[in-house]
Protein backbone atom coordinates (compact mmCIF):
# COMPACT_ATOMS: atom_id res chain seq x y z
CA MET A 1 5.72 16.09 -45.35
CA THR A 2 6.20 19.75 -46.28
CA THR A 3 8.75 22.26 -45.08
CA ALA A 4 8.95 26.04 -45.16
CA GLN A 5 11.52 28.54 -44.02
CA ALA A 6 10.67 30.72 -41.02
CA GLU A 7 12.65 33.35 -39.18
CA THR A 8 13.06 31.11 -36.16
CA GLY A 9 14.21 28.11 -38.25
CA ARG A 10 12.72 25.45 -40.48
CA THR A 11 9.04 24.80 -40.04
CA VAL A 12 7.96 21.23 -40.81
CA THR A 13 4.46 19.88 -41.35
CA THR A 14 4.42 16.12 -41.01
CA ASN A 15 2.20 13.09 -40.40
CA ILE A 16 5.02 10.87 -39.13
CA PRO A 17 3.60 10.55 -35.56
CA ALA A 18 0.23 9.51 -37.02
CA ARG A 19 1.94 7.00 -39.31
CA LEU A 20 3.73 5.40 -36.37
CA ASP A 21 0.56 5.26 -34.25
CA ARG A 22 -1.60 3.63 -36.92
CA LEU A 23 0.79 0.68 -37.44
CA PRO A 24 -0.53 -2.79 -36.53
CA TRP A 25 1.58 -4.90 -34.19
CA SER A 26 4.36 -6.62 -36.10
CA ARG A 27 7.66 -8.47 -35.84
CA TRP A 28 9.41 -5.11 -36.05
CA HIS A 29 7.77 -4.05 -32.79
CA TRP A 30 8.96 -7.25 -31.16
CA THR A 31 12.49 -6.25 -32.19
CA ILE A 32 12.05 -2.99 -30.30
CA VAL A 33 10.70 -4.77 -27.23
CA ILE A 34 13.58 -7.28 -27.17
CA GLY A 35 16.29 -4.77 -27.99
CA LEU A 36 15.21 -2.12 -25.49
CA GLY A 37 13.13 -3.84 -22.86
CA THR A 38 15.60 -6.50 -21.79
CA VAL A 39 17.66 -4.03 -19.76
CA TRP A 40 15.09 -4.24 -16.96
CA ILE A 41 15.90 -7.94 -16.71
CA LEU A 42 19.49 -6.93 -15.97
CA ASP A 43 18.36 -4.44 -13.33
CA GLY A 44 16.26 -7.10 -11.64
CA LEU A 45 19.17 -9.52 -11.78
CA GLU A 46 21.50 -6.97 -10.15
CA VAL A 47 19.21 -5.97 -7.30
CA THR A 48 18.08 -9.50 -6.46
CA VAL A 49 21.51 -11.08 -6.56
CA VAL A 50 22.93 -8.50 -4.16
CA GLY A 51 20.03 -8.90 -1.74
CA ASN A 52 20.17 -12.68 -1.75
CA ILE A 53 23.94 -13.12 -1.51
CA ALA A 54 24.38 -10.52 1.25
CA SER A 55 24.70 -13.15 3.96
CA ARG A 56 27.30 -15.16 2.04
CA LEU A 57 29.35 -12.10 1.07
CA SER A 58 29.60 -11.12 4.72
CA GLU A 59 30.96 -14.52 5.74
CA SER A 60 34.63 -15.20 6.30
CA GLY A 61 36.29 -16.52 3.16
CA SER A 62 34.08 -14.64 0.68
CA GLY A 63 36.99 -12.50 -0.47
CA LEU A 64 35.43 -9.24 0.72
CA PRO A 65 35.79 -7.63 4.18
CA ILE A 66 32.15 -6.49 4.31
CA THR A 67 29.12 -6.96 6.58
CA SER A 68 25.58 -7.95 5.60
CA GLY A 69 24.29 -4.57 6.79
CA GLU A 70 26.78 -2.75 4.56
CA ILE A 71 25.58 -4.74 1.55
CA THR A 72 21.84 -4.30 2.09
CA GLY A 73 22.26 -0.77 3.47
CA VAL A 74 25.29 1.17 2.19
CA ALA A 75 25.85 -0.70 -1.10
CA ALA A 76 22.11 -0.72 -1.87
CA ALA A 77 21.81 3.00 -1.18
CA LEU A 78 24.88 3.73 -3.33
CA TYR A 79 23.40 1.72 -6.21
CA VAL A 80 20.18 3.73 -6.02
CA ALA A 81 22.10 7.00 -5.60
CA GLY A 82 24.11 6.16 -8.72
CA ALA A 83 20.88 5.48 -10.60
CA CYS A 84 19.47 8.87 -9.53
CA VAL A 85 22.61 10.77 -10.56
CA GLY A 86 22.85 8.79 -13.78
CA ALA A 87 19.22 9.46 -14.67
CA LEU A 88 19.72 13.22 -14.39
CA PHE A 89 23.09 13.23 -16.16
CA TRP A 90 22.11 10.98 -19.05
CA GLY A 91 18.50 12.19 -19.23
CA ARG A 92 19.55 15.67 -20.31
CA LEU A 93 21.87 14.22 -22.95
CA THR A 94 19.13 11.88 -24.19
CA ASP A 95 16.91 14.84 -25.08
CA LYS A 96 19.87 16.67 -26.60
CA TRP A 97 21.84 13.93 -28.41
CA GLY A 98 19.12 11.40 -29.18
CA ARG A 99 17.66 8.18 -27.80
CA LYS A 100 19.81 5.67 -29.68
CA LYS A 101 23.19 7.20 -28.89
CA LEU A 102 22.39 7.27 -25.19
CA PHE A 103 20.85 3.81 -24.83
CA MET A 104 24.05 2.44 -26.36
CA ILE A 105 26.36 4.48 -24.14
CA THR A 106 24.50 3.83 -20.87
CA LEU A 107 24.40 0.08 -21.46
CA ALA A 108 28.15 0.12 -22.11
CA VAL A 109 28.67 1.93 -18.78
CA TYR A 110 26.55 -0.69 -17.01
CA LEU A 111 28.48 -3.52 -18.67
CA ALA A 112 31.88 -2.19 -17.63
CA ALA A 113 30.83 -1.40 -14.04
CA THR A 114 29.24 -4.83 -13.54
CA ALA A 115 32.30 -6.61 -14.86
CA LEU A 116 34.52 -4.63 -12.48
CA THR A 117 32.19 -5.42 -9.57
CA ALA A 118 32.90 -9.11 -10.21
CA VAL A 119 36.60 -8.59 -9.44
CA SER A 120 36.06 -6.65 -6.21
CA PHE A 121 38.83 -7.15 -3.68
CA SER A 122 37.80 -4.62 -1.00
CA SER A 123 34.65 -2.94 0.27
CA TRP A 124 35.51 0.45 -1.23
CA TRP A 125 35.95 -1.14 -4.69
CA PHE A 126 32.63 -2.95 -4.33
CA PHE A 127 30.86 0.26 -3.22
CA THR A 128 32.40 2.31 -6.06
CA PHE A 129 31.28 0.00 -8.82
CA ARG A 130 27.85 -0.57 -7.30
CA PHE A 131 27.44 3.21 -7.62
CA LEU A 132 28.68 3.20 -11.23
CA THR A 133 26.46 0.24 -12.12
CA GLY A 134 23.49 2.24 -10.88
CA PHE A 135 24.82 5.25 -12.80
CA GLY A 136 24.48 3.32 -16.04
CA ILE A 137 21.08 1.85 -15.16
CA GLY A 138 19.69 5.30 -14.28
CA GLY A 139 20.51 6.55 -17.75
CA GLU A 140 18.82 3.50 -19.24
CA TYR A 141 15.50 4.38 -17.60
CA ALA A 142 15.36 7.79 -19.33
CA ALA A 143 16.67 6.70 -22.74
CA ILE A 144 14.71 3.45 -22.98
CA ASN A 145 11.30 4.69 -21.81
CA SER A 146 11.56 7.66 -24.17
CA ALA A 147 12.40 5.47 -27.16
CA ILE A 148 9.74 2.86 -26.39
CA ASP A 149 6.89 5.35 -26.05
CA GLU A 150 7.92 7.15 -29.24
CA LEU A 151 8.15 3.95 -31.31
CA ILE A 152 5.20 1.89 -30.04
CA PRO A 153 1.69 2.62 -31.49
CA ALA A 154 -0.67 4.52 -29.16
CA LYS A 155 -3.18 1.68 -28.79
CA PHE A 156 -0.48 -0.69 -27.49
CA ARG A 157 1.68 1.80 -25.57
CA GLY A 158 0.28 1.22 -22.09
CA ARG A 159 0.47 -2.56 -21.98
CA VAL A 160 3.87 -2.71 -23.73
CA ASP A 161 5.38 -0.13 -21.40
CA LEU A 162 4.04 -1.91 -18.31
CA ILE A 163 5.22 -5.35 -19.42
CA ILE A 164 8.68 -4.05 -20.30
CA ASN A 165 9.07 -2.26 -16.98
CA GLY A 166 7.66 -5.31 -15.23
CA SER A 167 10.28 -7.54 -16.88
CA PHE A 168 12.53 -6.37 -14.04
CA TRP A 169 11.02 -9.32 -12.21
CA LEU A 170 12.10 -11.84 -14.82
CA GLY A 171 15.59 -10.73 -13.92
CA ALA A 172 14.66 -11.11 -10.27
CA VAL A 173 13.65 -14.73 -10.89
CA GLY A 174 16.97 -15.33 -12.62
CA GLY A 175 18.82 -13.57 -9.82
CA SER A 176 17.10 -15.69 -7.21
CA LEU A 177 17.92 -18.94 -8.98
CA LEU A 178 21.49 -17.81 -9.64
CA SER A 179 21.94 -16.95 -5.97
CA ILE A 180 20.91 -20.49 -5.03
CA VAL A 181 23.79 -21.85 -7.10
CA ALA A 182 26.19 -19.11 -6.00
CA LEU A 183 25.49 -19.78 -2.32
CA ASN A 184 25.92 -23.53 -2.62
CA THR A 185 29.53 -24.26 -1.68
CA ASP A 186 29.14 -27.81 -3.00
CA PHE A 187 29.24 -26.28 -6.49
CA LEU A 188 31.35 -23.17 -6.10
CA PRO A 189 33.78 -21.83 -3.47
CA LYS A 190 32.63 -18.93 -1.30
CA ASP A 191 34.87 -16.45 -3.09
CA VAL A 192 33.91 -17.51 -6.63
CA GLY A 193 30.13 -18.00 -6.88
CA TRP A 194 29.09 -14.41 -6.26
CA ARG A 195 31.70 -13.16 -8.73
CA LEU A 196 30.29 -15.34 -11.50
CA THR A 197 26.80 -13.92 -11.00
CA PHE A 198 28.06 -10.39 -11.69
CA ALA A 199 30.13 -11.63 -14.61
CA LEU A 200 27.03 -13.21 -16.12
CA GLY A 201 25.26 -9.85 -15.92
CA ALA A 202 28.07 -8.32 -17.96
CA VAL A 203 27.80 -11.07 -20.58
CA LEU A 204 24.04 -10.56 -20.93
CA ALA A 205 24.59 -6.81 -21.31
CA LEU A 206 27.04 -7.47 -24.15
CA VAL A 207 24.46 -9.59 -25.98
CA ILE A 208 21.81 -6.87 -25.58
CA LEU A 209 24.28 -4.26 -26.82
CA LEU A 210 24.69 -6.24 -30.04
CA VAL A 211 20.91 -6.54 -30.53
CA ARG A 212 20.40 -2.80 -29.99
CA ARG A 213 22.47 -1.91 -33.02
CA HIS A 214 19.38 -2.70 -35.12
CA VAL A 215 17.02 -0.40 -33.18
CA PRO A 216 16.58 2.94 -35.01
CA GLU A 217 16.62 6.44 -33.62
CA SER A 218 13.21 7.84 -32.66
CA PRO A 219 11.69 9.52 -35.75
CA ARG A 220 9.88 11.93 -33.45
CA TRP A 221 13.19 13.09 -31.96
CA LEU A 222 14.75 13.38 -35.43
CA LEU A 223 11.90 15.59 -36.63
CA ILE A 224 12.33 18.15 -33.88
CA HIS A 225 16.10 18.25 -34.28
CA GLY A 226 16.15 19.09 -37.98
CA ARG A 227 16.68 15.57 -39.32
CA ASP A 228 13.28 15.13 -40.96
CA ARG A 229 14.70 13.41 -44.07
CA GLU A 230 16.26 10.72 -41.88
CA ALA A 231 12.98 10.37 -39.95
CA GLU A 232 11.08 9.93 -43.21
CA GLU A 233 13.47 7.19 -44.38
CA ILE A 234 13.13 5.28 -41.09
CA VAL A 235 9.32 5.41 -41.04
CA THR A 236 9.06 4.47 -44.71
CA SER A 237 11.32 1.48 -44.10
CA ILE A 238 9.18 0.38 -41.13
CA GLU A 239 5.98 0.70 -43.17
CA GLU A 240 7.43 -1.38 -46.00
CA ARG A 241 8.44 -4.12 -43.59
CA VAL A 242 5.02 -4.17 -41.90
CA GLU A 243 3.15 -4.21 -45.24
CA ALA A 244 5.30 -7.09 -46.48
CA GLU A 245 4.59 -9.04 -43.28
CA LYS A 246 0.83 -8.37 -43.26
CA GLY A 247 0.39 -8.76 -47.03
CA ARG A 248 -1.79 -5.66 -47.33
CA ALA A 249 -1.55 -1.90 -47.58
CA LEU A 250 -1.63 0.10 -44.38
CA GLU A 251 -4.49 2.42 -43.45
CA ARG A 252 -4.14 6.07 -44.31
CA PRO A 253 -2.77 8.05 -41.35
CA GLU A 254 -5.00 10.74 -39.89
CA GLY A 255 -3.62 14.00 -38.57
CA GLU A 256 -0.61 16.23 -39.12
CA ILE A 257 1.47 18.44 -36.86
CA THR A 258 3.54 21.51 -37.67
CA ILE A 259 6.70 22.11 -35.67
CA ARG A 260 9.50 24.65 -35.63
CA GLN A 261 12.71 22.68 -35.56
CA ARG A 262 15.34 23.49 -32.96
CA ARG A 263 18.44 21.87 -31.55
CA SER A 264 17.87 22.07 -27.80
CA VAL A 265 15.61 23.23 -24.98
CA SER A 266 16.99 25.28 -22.10
CA PHE A 267 16.77 24.29 -18.44
CA VAL A 268 14.55 27.35 -17.89
CA GLU A 269 12.04 26.03 -20.43
CA ILE A 270 12.15 22.57 -18.88
CA ALA A 271 11.55 24.00 -15.39
CA ARG A 272 8.70 26.18 -16.60
CA THR A 273 7.12 23.22 -18.39
CA LEU A 274 7.24 20.96 -15.32
CA PHE A 275 6.45 23.42 -12.55
CA ALA A 276 4.19 25.96 -14.25
CA ASP A 277 2.45 24.57 -17.33
CA TYR A 278 2.18 21.01 -15.98
CA ARG A 279 2.19 21.47 -12.23
CA ARG A 280 -0.63 19.00 -11.56
CA ARG A 281 1.07 16.34 -13.66
CA SER A 282 4.31 16.96 -11.79
CA ILE A 283 2.57 16.37 -8.46
CA LEU A 284 1.20 13.14 -9.88
CA GLY A 285 4.66 12.01 -11.03
CA PHE A 286 6.28 12.75 -7.68
CA SER A 287 3.57 10.89 -5.79
CA LEU A 288 3.72 7.77 -7.93
CA PHE A 289 7.50 7.53 -7.85
CA ILE A 290 7.90 8.17 -4.13
CA GLY A 291 5.27 5.58 -3.23
CA GLN A 292 6.63 2.79 -5.40
CA ALA A 293 10.29 3.61 -4.84
CA PHE A 294 10.12 3.39 -1.07
CA LEU A 295 8.16 0.16 -1.04
CA TYR A 296 10.19 -1.62 -3.70
CA ASN A 297 13.70 -0.54 -2.80
CA ALA A 298 13.12 -1.11 0.89
CA ILE A 299 11.50 -4.53 0.56
CA THR A 300 13.59 -5.84 -2.34
CA PHE A 301 16.86 -5.25 -0.56
CA GLY A 302 15.62 -6.65 2.76
CA PHE A 303 13.34 -9.58 2.04
CA GLY A 304 16.09 -12.17 2.45
CA ALA A 305 16.93 -10.73 5.88
CA ILE A 306 13.27 -11.02 6.94
CA LEU A 307 13.15 -14.69 6.01
CA THR A 308 16.35 -15.55 7.84
CA THR A 309 15.70 -13.36 10.89
CA PHE A 310 12.04 -14.08 11.62
CA PHE A 311 11.37 -17.46 9.98
CA ASP A 312 14.76 -19.19 10.33
CA VAL A 313 14.99 -19.84 6.60
CA PRO A 314 18.52 -21.04 5.69
CA THR A 315 20.55 -18.50 3.75
CA GLY A 316 20.86 -20.82 0.78
CA ASP A 317 17.07 -21.23 0.48
CA THR A 318 15.96 -17.57 0.37
CA GLY A 319 16.29 -17.54 -3.42
CA TYR A 320 13.42 -20.02 -3.79
CA TYR A 321 11.03 -17.74 -1.90
CA PHE A 322 12.11 -14.67 -3.77
CA ALA A 323 11.71 -16.42 -7.12
CA VAL A 324 8.05 -17.09 -6.27
CA ILE A 325 7.52 -13.42 -5.34
CA ALA A 326 9.26 -12.28 -8.52
CA VAL A 327 6.91 -14.40 -10.66
CA GLY A 328 3.93 -12.75 -8.96
CA ASN A 329 5.42 -9.35 -9.67
CA PHE A 330 5.82 -10.04 -13.39
CA CYS A 331 2.33 -11.51 -13.69
CA GLY A 332 0.83 -8.20 -12.51
CA PRO A 333 1.87 -6.05 -15.50
CA LEU A 334 1.53 -9.03 -17.84
CA LEU A 335 -2.12 -9.76 -16.93
CA LEU A 336 -3.30 -6.26 -16.04
CA GLY A 337 -1.39 -4.30 -18.70
CA LYS A 338 -4.10 -4.44 -21.36
CA LEU A 339 -6.60 -2.88 -18.93
CA PHE A 340 -4.50 0.29 -18.80
CA ASP A 341 -5.28 0.72 -22.53
CA THR A 342 -8.95 -0.28 -22.30
CA VAL A 343 -10.38 0.50 -18.85
CA GLY A 344 -8.07 3.52 -18.70
CA ARG A 345 -5.11 5.02 -16.92
CA ARG A 346 -6.88 6.80 -14.05
CA VAL A 347 -8.90 3.82 -12.84
CA MET A 348 -6.06 1.34 -13.17
CA ILE A 349 -3.26 3.48 -11.73
CA SER A 350 -5.24 4.59 -8.68
CA GLY A 351 -6.74 1.12 -8.25
CA THR A 352 -3.45 -0.78 -8.29
CA TYR A 353 -1.77 1.65 -5.90
CA LEU A 354 -4.65 1.69 -3.42
CA LEU A 355 -5.25 -2.05 -3.51
CA SER A 356 -1.60 -2.94 -3.03
CA GLY A 357 -1.32 -0.47 -0.14
CA LEU A 358 -4.38 -1.87 1.64
CA LEU A 359 -3.18 -5.45 1.14
CA LEU A 360 0.20 -4.48 2.55
CA PHE A 361 -1.48 -3.07 5.66
CA GLY A 362 -3.25 -6.42 6.00
CA THR A 363 0.03 -8.30 5.64
CA ALA A 364 1.63 -6.12 8.32
CA TRP A 365 -1.28 -6.84 10.67
CA LEU A 366 -0.99 -10.62 10.16
CA PHE A 367 2.78 -10.47 10.61
CA ASP A 368 2.40 -8.51 13.84
CA ARG A 369 -0.02 -11.11 15.21
CA GLY A 370 2.41 -13.94 14.43
CA ALA A 371 -0.08 -15.52 12.04
CA LEU A 372 2.40 -15.97 9.19
CA ASN A 373 5.18 -18.41 8.42
CA ALA A 374 7.70 -18.25 5.59
CA THR A 375 5.27 -19.80 3.08
CA THR A 376 2.21 -17.71 3.95
CA MET A 377 4.32 -14.55 4.18
CA THR A 378 5.52 -15.24 0.65
CA ALA A 379 1.95 -15.84 -0.50
CA CYS A 380 0.83 -12.51 0.97
CA TRP A 381 3.67 -10.72 -0.74
CA CYS A 382 2.77 -12.33 -4.07
CA VAL A 383 -0.72 -10.90 -3.86
CA VAL A 384 0.45 -7.45 -2.72
CA LEU A 385 3.11 -7.18 -5.38
CA PHE A 386 0.89 -8.52 -8.16
CA PHE A 387 -0.96 -5.20 -7.99
CA ALA A 388 1.96 -3.07 -6.80
CA SER A 389 4.11 -4.12 -9.74
CA ALA A 390 1.52 -2.97 -12.27
CA GLY A 391 1.17 0.29 -10.38
CA ALA A 392 4.91 0.87 -10.13
CA SER A 393 5.37 0.21 -13.85
CA SER A 394 2.60 2.70 -14.61
CA ALA A 395 4.62 5.41 -12.85
CA TYR A 396 7.26 5.16 -15.59
CA LEU A 397 4.54 5.07 -18.24
CA THR A 398 2.90 8.17 -16.79
CA VAL A 399 5.91 10.49 -16.70
CA SER A 400 7.06 9.33 -20.14
CA GLU A 401 3.80 10.18 -21.91
CA VAL A 402 2.29 13.24 -20.18
CA PHE A 403 5.05 15.79 -20.86
CA PRO A 404 6.14 17.36 -24.17
CA MET A 405 8.45 15.54 -26.55
CA GLU A 406 11.37 17.91 -26.01
CA THR A 407 11.47 17.27 -22.25
CA ARG A 408 10.45 13.59 -22.20
CA ALA A 409 13.75 11.97 -21.21
CA MET A 410 14.59 14.72 -18.74
CA SER A 411 11.12 14.45 -17.18
CA ILE A 412 11.53 10.70 -16.70
CA ALA A 413 14.97 11.27 -15.22
CA PHE A 414 13.84 14.08 -12.95
CA PHE A 415 10.90 12.25 -11.39
CA TYR A 416 12.77 8.99 -11.17
CA ALA A 417 15.74 10.67 -9.47
CA LEU A 418 13.78 12.71 -6.92
CA GLY A 419 11.20 10.04 -6.19
CA THR A 420 13.80 7.32 -5.91
CA ALA A 421 16.11 9.51 -3.82
CA ALA A 422 13.29 10.09 -1.36
CA GLY A 423 12.18 6.46 -1.15
CA GLY A 424 15.03 4.49 -2.66
CA ILE A 425 17.97 5.83 -0.68
CA SER A 426 16.29 6.38 2.67
CA GLY A 427 14.22 3.20 2.21
CA PRO A 428 17.02 0.62 2.20
CA LEU A 429 18.90 2.43 4.99
CA LEU A 430 15.82 2.68 7.19
CA PHE A 431 14.60 -0.80 6.37
CA ALA A 432 18.00 -2.35 7.08
CA ASP A 433 17.98 -0.70 10.52
CA LEU A 434 14.41 -1.76 11.30
CA THR A 435 14.80 -5.41 10.27
CA GLY A 436 18.26 -5.52 11.83
CA THR A 437 16.80 -5.07 15.32
CA GLY A 438 15.09 -8.45 15.09
CA LYS A 439 11.90 -6.91 16.53
CA VAL A 440 8.60 -7.69 14.85
CA GLY A 441 7.22 -4.24 15.63
CA ASP A 442 10.03 -2.48 13.80
CA THR A 443 9.49 -4.50 10.63
CA VAL A 444 5.74 -3.94 10.87
CA LEU A 445 6.42 -0.20 10.99
CA ALA A 446 8.46 -0.41 7.80
CA PHE A 447 5.60 -2.25 6.07
CA GLN A 448 3.09 0.34 7.26
CA ILE A 449 5.18 3.24 5.98
CA GLY A 450 5.39 1.65 2.53
CA ALA A 451 1.66 0.89 2.54
CA ALA A 452 0.74 4.43 3.56
CA LEU A 453 2.82 5.97 0.78
CA MET A 454 1.29 3.64 -1.81
CA CYS A 455 -2.24 4.53 -0.66
CA ALA A 456 -1.45 8.25 -0.69
CA ALA A 457 -0.13 7.99 -4.25
CA GLY A 458 -3.27 6.09 -5.27
CA LEU A 459 -5.48 8.89 -3.96
CA VAL A 460 -3.44 11.47 -5.87
CA ALA A 461 -3.82 9.40 -9.06
CA ALA A 462 -7.59 9.15 -8.54
CA PHE A 463 -7.81 12.94 -8.92
CA LEU A 464 -4.86 13.85 -11.16
CA ALA A 465 -4.14 10.90 -13.48
CA VAL A 466 -4.31 11.80 -17.18
CA ARG A 467 -6.60 9.86 -19.50
CA ALA A 468 -3.82 9.04 -21.96
CA GLU A 469 -5.05 5.64 -23.14
CA ARG A 470 -5.03 5.14 -26.93
CA ARG A 471 -4.05 8.78 -27.57
CA SER A 472 -1.03 9.99 -29.48
CA LEU A 473 1.80 11.53 -27.48
CA GLU A 474 1.32 14.81 -29.36
CA ASP A 475 -2.36 14.90 -28.34
CA ILE A 476 -1.58 14.21 -24.67
CA ALA A 477 1.05 16.96 -24.54
CA LYS A 478 1.75 19.20 -27.54
CA PRO A 479 5.46 19.56 -28.37
CA LEU A 480 7.00 22.84 -27.24
CA THR A 481 8.03 23.34 -30.84
CA ALA A 482 4.50 22.87 -32.21
CA ALA A 483 3.76 25.91 -34.39
CA ALA A 484 0.15 26.87 -35.03
CA SER A 485 -1.55 24.81 -32.33
CA ALA A 486 1.00 25.81 -29.71
CA VAL A 487 0.26 29.51 -30.18
CA SER A 488 -3.46 29.10 -29.72
CA SER A 489 -3.20 26.68 -26.82
CA ARG A 490 -0.92 28.98 -24.84
CA THR A 491 -3.84 31.39 -24.56
CA ARG A 492 -5.79 28.92 -22.44
CA SER A 493 -5.96 29.28 -18.74
CA ARG A 494 -3.54 27.24 -16.65
CA ARG A 495 -6.44 25.33 -15.15
CA GLU A 496 -7.63 24.19 -18.58
CA ARG A 497 -4.10 23.25 -19.66
CA GLU A 498 -3.53 21.08 -16.62
CA GLN A 499 -6.94 19.44 -16.53
CA PRO A 500 -6.43 15.64 -16.63
CA GLY A 501 -7.34 14.20 -20.00
CA THR A 502 -6.97 17.40 -22.02
CA ALA A 503 -4.39 18.12 -24.69
CA THR A 504 -2.02 20.82 -23.55
CA ALA A 505 0.75 22.90 -24.99
């Protein structure tokens, strides 16, 4: 790595991104996956527990004066609203202060808010700390996806990102099984079981916080922010560990990049990057997030109500059905993830969105005809969400890899917040009202809306998805601080810059 002084600041020529991308998979990468990816398990645990224990919380003797509709509607919407606000608030700080500092802070916020939810004594307390729990989780999405994409080699990035985001459903399985115990008054009193589930979430967060101390700062972020010596030390240490594990020397890295170091990027530059230089990619991001957010937030928070309302499933048994669905959801990214790196992003993103939407339309039709029972309904949802889960996870992958390094966390936060606000806040509220009527037609309408949005997003991806498979982040989107290449690339036409699959400045 060489450095030179320039009028605008230090100019650094480095091969650190190439050195990170040429690494073989190793135990060190597993450390990153475990330390950073496990937060999605907590998110899945949170969402599922609340949805499944809604009926018990609303019963007399639970310790909370709250209705089932308030839990699946108001509390669910506040959780998502907190996540949206948190994503924007913490996302900006993640790009400015660094990935590691923020993924430690946001997890601590989540831990505290979850622990305080467990001691709720009134509805307003419960609502407040559901919002703050989401506030911490929202920041996690921006900080964690940024760090993962910048630390994982390019040839593994797609499958790893999808599996990590899909691990939400491992938490959902745990939440479903926990709710079975929490709802069983033979084991725990009504006013104790649900509190212990939230307390367990706080304990798991504490364990993850301890593991994360060993995850380094992103060398790519350090480079841009004038800490190239620290970045060099981190990458050298990683290389030494990998060489010792593999028992051989690593391949020579290919490619260098020259950047002008700077401390921060203004909101004006971020806005221009998203809405001018990368307008087509922004449309893609909005479409993917709105489609998946509406379907998942609406259905996740209301599935237990569907089972009890239309199929007379006892409240204490809904967790079994949801556990089966959650397993199907995790299997989607797990089994299809590799194809996003081999077959390619465009085919797989558009295919999973379109297929899940069409299958959801079919499920709605069968439900409307009265052809389903609790078991077959669950089977249909397993198939739909097998594909939808891979597609939804690819939305996070997409917005974390197709925008420049300096705006990565803020881009994730921005699209997550707006897409989730559109589908994640209105979704639970609307879905709670539709399923609350007890009319089959109203629930069918909710399914059809989710299916239509997924299909629309799939069509957008078919035309606009970026062929980012097995390419370095700097090749997909040149850093704003890139020196020589950035100057030449800015002379291209906007159409060429935004063309899917091309490297842009």
